[in-house]
Protein backbone atom coordinates (compact mmCIF):
# COMPACT_ATOMS: atom_id res chain seq x y z
CA MET A 1 45.56 64.22 111.82
CA THR A 2 49.19 64.94 111.12
CA ASN A 3 50.47 68.41 110.35
CA GLU A 4 51.54 67.34 106.86
CA SER A 5 48.08 66.07 105.95
CA SER A 6 46.33 69.02 107.54
CA ALA A 7 48.49 71.42 105.60
CA SER A 8 47.65 69.63 102.35
CA GLU A 9 43.89 69.79 102.83
CA ASN A 10 41.94 72.48 101.07
CA PRO A 11 38.31 72.07 102.18
CA GLY A 12 37.58 75.77 101.94
CA ALA A 13 38.75 76.24 98.38
CA SER A 14 36.23 77.31 95.77
CA ASN A 15 34.57 74.58 93.71
CA MET A 16 34.11 76.93 90.81
CA SER A 17 36.52 77.71 88.00
CA ALA A 18 36.91 81.16 86.54
CA ALA A 19 34.36 80.19 83.90
CA GLY A 20 31.85 79.27 86.59
CA ALA A 21 31.86 75.50 85.98
CA ARG A 22 32.13 73.11 88.91
CA ARG A 23 35.60 71.69 89.35
CA ILE A 24 36.34 68.01 90.00
CA ARG A 25 37.40 67.65 93.64
CA ILE A 26 40.25 65.16 93.92
CA LEU A 27 41.91 63.43 96.89
CA ILE A 28 45.35 61.86 96.36
CA ALA A 29 46.25 58.86 98.54
CA ASP A 30 49.81 57.54 98.28
CA ASP A 31 52.49 56.85 100.87
CA HIS A 32 55.32 58.32 98.76
CA THR A 33 55.66 62.07 99.32
CA ILE A 34 57.60 62.72 96.11
CA PHE A 35 54.96 60.94 94.03
CA ARG A 36 52.12 62.84 95.71
CA ASP A 37 53.87 66.17 95.20
CA GLY A 38 54.58 65.46 91.54
CA LEU A 39 51.04 64.27 90.88
CA ARG A 40 49.55 67.29 92.59
CA ARG A 41 51.67 69.66 90.52
CA LEU A 42 50.54 67.96 87.31
CA LEU A 43 46.85 67.93 88.21
CA ASP A 44 46.92 71.51 89.50
CA LEU A 45 47.61 72.61 85.92
CA GLN A 46 44.08 71.54 84.93
CA ALA A 47 41.54 74.34 85.32
CA ASP A 48 38.71 71.88 86.06
CA PHE A 49 40.59 70.03 88.83
CA GLU A 50 40.79 70.93 92.52
CA ILE A 51 43.07 68.92 94.82
CA VAL A 52 41.27 68.93 98.18
CA GLY A 53 43.73 66.80 100.15
CA GLU A 54 46.51 64.23 100.34
CA ALA A 55 46.56 61.06 102.45
CA ARG A 56 49.49 58.79 103.30
CA ASP A 57 47.78 55.54 104.32
CA GLY A 58 44.44 53.77 104.17
CA ARG A 59 43.12 54.91 107.52
CA GLU A 60 43.91 58.55 106.75
CA THR A 61 42.31 58.09 103.33
CA MET A 62 39.02 56.86 104.75
CA ASP A 63 38.94 59.69 107.28
CA MET A 64 39.58 62.32 104.62
CA VAL A 65 37.00 60.85 102.22
CA ASP A 66 34.44 61.04 105.02
CA ARG A 67 35.29 64.66 105.88
CA LEU A 68 36.14 66.16 102.50
CA LYS A 69 33.79 64.14 100.28
CA PRO A 70 35.92 64.36 97.12
CA ASP A 71 34.44 63.52 93.74
CA VAL A 72 37.38 61.30 92.80
CA LEU A 73 39.91 59.45 94.95
CA LEU A 74 43.26 58.51 93.41
CA LEU A 75 44.18 55.52 95.59
CA ASP A 76 47.53 53.77 95.73
CA ILE A 77 46.93 50.03 95.94
CA ARG A 78 49.81 49.41 98.36
CA MET A 79 50.12 51.58 101.47
CA PRO A 80 51.19 50.98 105.08
CA GLY A 81 48.67 50.03 107.75
CA ILE A 82 45.38 49.64 105.90
CA ASP A 83 46.34 49.03 102.28
CA GLY A 84 44.56 50.45 99.26
CA LEU A 85 42.45 47.37 98.55
CA SER A 86 41.24 47.17 102.15
CA ALA A 87 40.43 50.88 102.13
CA LEU A 88 38.57 50.47 98.84
CA GLN A 89 36.56 47.57 100.24
CA ARG A 90 35.53 49.60 103.29
CA LEU A 91 34.69 52.67 101.22
CA SER A 92 32.57 50.57 98.86
CA ALA A 93 30.60 49.26 101.84
CA SER A 94 29.94 52.82 103.02
CA SER A 95 27.54 55.37 101.60
CA THR A 96 30.25 57.50 99.98
CA ALA A 97 29.60 58.84 96.50
CA THR A 98 33.34 59.23 95.87
CA LYS A 99 34.54 57.42 92.77
CA VAL A 100 37.84 55.57 93.16
CA ILE A 101 40.64 55.23 90.63
CA ILE A 102 43.28 52.74 91.69
CA LEU A 103 46.86 53.86 91.02
CA THR A 104 49.38 51.04 90.93
CA ALA A 105 52.86 50.15 89.77
CA SER A 106 51.97 46.48 90.15
CA ASP A 107 51.02 44.14 87.32
CA ASP A 108 49.30 41.72 89.70
CA LYS A 109 46.15 40.50 87.93
CA ASN A 110 44.64 39.26 91.19
CA GLU A 111 44.87 42.79 92.60
CA PHE A 112 43.14 44.16 89.48
CA VAL A 113 40.32 41.65 89.90
CA GLN A 114 39.91 42.42 93.60
CA ALA A 115 39.82 46.15 92.88
CA VAL A 116 37.06 45.63 90.31
CA LYS A 117 35.11 43.40 92.70
CA TYR A 118 35.40 46.01 95.43
CA GLY A 119 33.85 48.62 93.16
CA CYS A 120 36.65 50.81 91.84
CA SER A 121 35.73 53.00 88.88
CA GLY A 122 39.11 52.77 87.21
CA ILE A 123 42.61 51.29 87.29
CA VAL A 124 45.56 53.36 86.09
CA LEU A 125 49.14 52.07 86.01
CA LYS A 126 51.67 54.55 87.43
CA HIS A 127 53.70 54.55 84.24
CA THR A 128 50.64 55.69 82.25
CA ALA A 129 51.02 58.91 80.26
CA THR A 130 49.81 62.00 82.13
CA ASP A 131 47.19 62.87 79.51
CA LEU A 132 45.57 59.45 79.95
CA LEU A 133 45.44 59.85 83.73
CA ILE A 134 43.79 63.24 83.29
CA LYS A 135 41.32 61.74 80.83
CA SER A 136 40.56 58.85 83.20
CA ILE A 137 39.68 61.28 86.01
CA ARG A 138 37.23 63.16 83.79
CA LYS A 139 35.66 59.98 82.43
CA VAL A 140 35.25 58.42 85.87
CA TYR A 141 33.78 61.66 87.21
CA GLU A 142 31.23 61.49 84.38
CA GLY A 143 30.22 58.01 85.51
CA GLU A 144 32.26 55.83 83.16
CA ILE A 145 34.55 52.91 83.99
CA TRP A 146 38.21 53.40 83.04
CA LEU A 147 40.44 50.42 82.25
CA ASP A 148 43.08 50.56 79.56
CA THR A 149 43.41 47.74 77.02
CA HIS A 150 46.16 45.96 78.96
CA THR A 151 44.33 46.12 82.27
CA THR A 152 40.97 45.09 80.85
CA ALA A 153 42.49 42.07 79.16
CA ALA A 154 44.30 41.09 82.37
CA VAL A 155 41.14 41.43 84.45
CA MET A 156 39.05 39.47 81.98
CA ARG A 157 41.58 36.65 81.72
CA GLN A 158 41.69 36.35 85.48
CA PHE A 159 37.91 36.38 85.79
CA ALA A 160 37.73 33.70 83.13
CA MET A 161 40.26 31.54 84.94
CA GLN A 162 38.44 31.94 88.24
CA SER A 163 35.10 31.18 86.62
CA SER A 164 36.32 27.82 85.31
CA GLY A 165 38.67 26.96 88.16
CA ALA A 166 41.87 26.61 86.15
CA ALA A 167 41.31 27.60 82.56
CA PRO A 168 39.58 30.29 80.53
CA ALA A 169 35.84 29.97 80.12
CA PRO A 170 34.71 27.55 77.39
CA SER A 171 33.94 28.86 73.95
CA TYR A 172 30.38 29.91 73.24
CA SER A 173 28.37 26.71 72.64
CA LYS A 174 25.73 26.12 69.98
CA GLN A 175 23.10 25.82 72.72
CA ASN A 176 24.10 29.18 74.19
CA ARG A 177 24.08 30.78 70.74
CA GLU A 178 20.52 29.60 70.17
CA ARG A 179 19.38 31.15 73.47
CA SER A 180 21.29 34.38 73.04
CA PRO A 181 19.50 37.58 72.02
CA LEU A 182 22.69 38.69 70.24
CA SER A 183 23.43 38.45 66.55
CA ASN A 184 26.68 36.89 65.35
CA ARG A 185 28.13 40.34 64.67
CA GLU A 186 27.13 41.56 68.13
CA ARG A 187 28.78 38.53 69.74
CA GLU A 188 31.99 39.30 67.85
CA ILE A 189 31.93 42.83 69.26
CA VAL A 190 31.28 41.54 72.79
CA VAL A 191 34.35 39.29 72.52
CA LEU A 192 36.54 42.21 71.43
CA VAL A 193 35.21 44.43 74.23
CA ALA A 194 36.00 41.66 76.75
CA GLN A 195 39.52 41.50 75.34
CA GLY A 196 39.96 45.21 76.07
CA TYR A 197 39.69 46.75 72.59
CA LYS A 198 38.38 50.31 72.21
CA ASN A 199 35.74 51.30 69.65
CA LYS A 200 38.20 52.46 66.98
CA GLU A 201 40.28 49.29 67.37
CA ILE A 202 37.15 47.17 67.04
CA ALA A 203 36.13 49.11 63.95
CA ASP A 204 39.54 48.57 62.36
CA LYS A 205 39.51 44.85 63.14
CA MET A 206 35.99 44.35 61.77
CA PHE A 207 36.36 46.72 58.80
CA ILE A 208 33.37 48.80 59.84
CA SER A 209 33.01 52.42 60.95
CA GLU A 210 33.45 53.51 64.54
CA GLN A 211 29.87 54.84 64.49
CA THR A 212 28.64 51.38 63.50
CA VAL A 213 30.47 49.92 66.49
CA LYS A 214 28.79 52.50 68.74
CA ASN A 215 25.39 51.61 67.28
CA HIS A 216 26.00 47.91 67.88
CA LEU A 217 27.10 48.57 71.46
CA HIS A 218 23.98 50.64 72.12
CA ASN A 219 21.84 47.72 70.93
CA ILE A 220 23.90 45.21 72.91
CA PHE A 221 23.57 47.22 76.13
CA ASP A 222 19.80 47.40 75.63
CA LYS A 223 19.47 43.68 74.92
CA LEU A 224 21.60 42.52 77.86
CA GLY A 225 20.64 45.20 80.38
CA VAL A 226 24.24 46.23 81.06
CA SER A 227 25.30 49.83 81.58
CA ASP A 228 28.97 49.93 80.62
CA ARG A 229 31.82 48.07 78.93
CA LEU A 230 33.05 46.42 82.13
CA GLU A 231 29.63 44.92 82.87
CA LEU A 232 29.52 43.74 79.27
CA ALA A 233 32.96 42.14 79.59
CA LEU A 234 31.92 40.38 82.79
CA TYR A 235 28.78 39.15 81.04
CA ALA A 236 31.01 37.68 78.34
CA VAL A 237 33.11 35.82 80.90
CA HIS A 238 30.21 34.45 82.91
CA ASN A 239 28.29 33.35 79.80
CA GLY A 240 31.19 31.66 78.02
CA ILE A 241 31.50 34.27 75.27
CA TYR A 242 34.99 35.34 76.33
CA GLU A 243 37.87 34.16 74.16
CA LYS A 244 41.53 34.51 75.08
CA PRO A 245 43.12 37.15 72.84
CA MET A 246 45.87 36.12 70.47
CA GLU A 247 49.34 36.80 71.90
């Protein structure tokens, strides 16, 4: 372990805030020192966050996850030696309970898809507003999947293309509709979720209340046996419900 990394670790710090609530233990993995320092300063301002360490490459990241057992790992997708995707793949194959948010400046859809396949809990672009990054950490810690509208749409398009070989998945056929447990309205909502729209955006598009959207999603999850929006979006792709969003 290098001196720089050892100095940045904080395994003995308290996990409790002044109010007594458990803080979210975060490990930052990025090969750019200036970016790590800036990110740490921003996250340190949050009373419910505790930065337990900083890693500079994939091998160091895996070692620190094993030793420090952070709740959330902020993982740069491109690092020297073992890159972020390879580290993610190895961590996913291990017994770690650490949830991983991929941080990337890339717009490579194939990398997004690989990250999702390897089990990341979120993808955040590096130009994302700070408040959204902070929100993503809290949501992922609570067990949710975090993909913004742009990323979700990109991932779903790529999955659709891979599913059909060269083109988006076919539109939902009459035969599939007859077998589906979903109502027409529920299928419309599934399509919009797969395209990356949030509940309020879906409500606005369908001229219904946001609570009605939430009720529909609750019923859809129960009917299909999925646990989150990403699983629902993947269901849409693999069952031909996905439709390419209008440009």
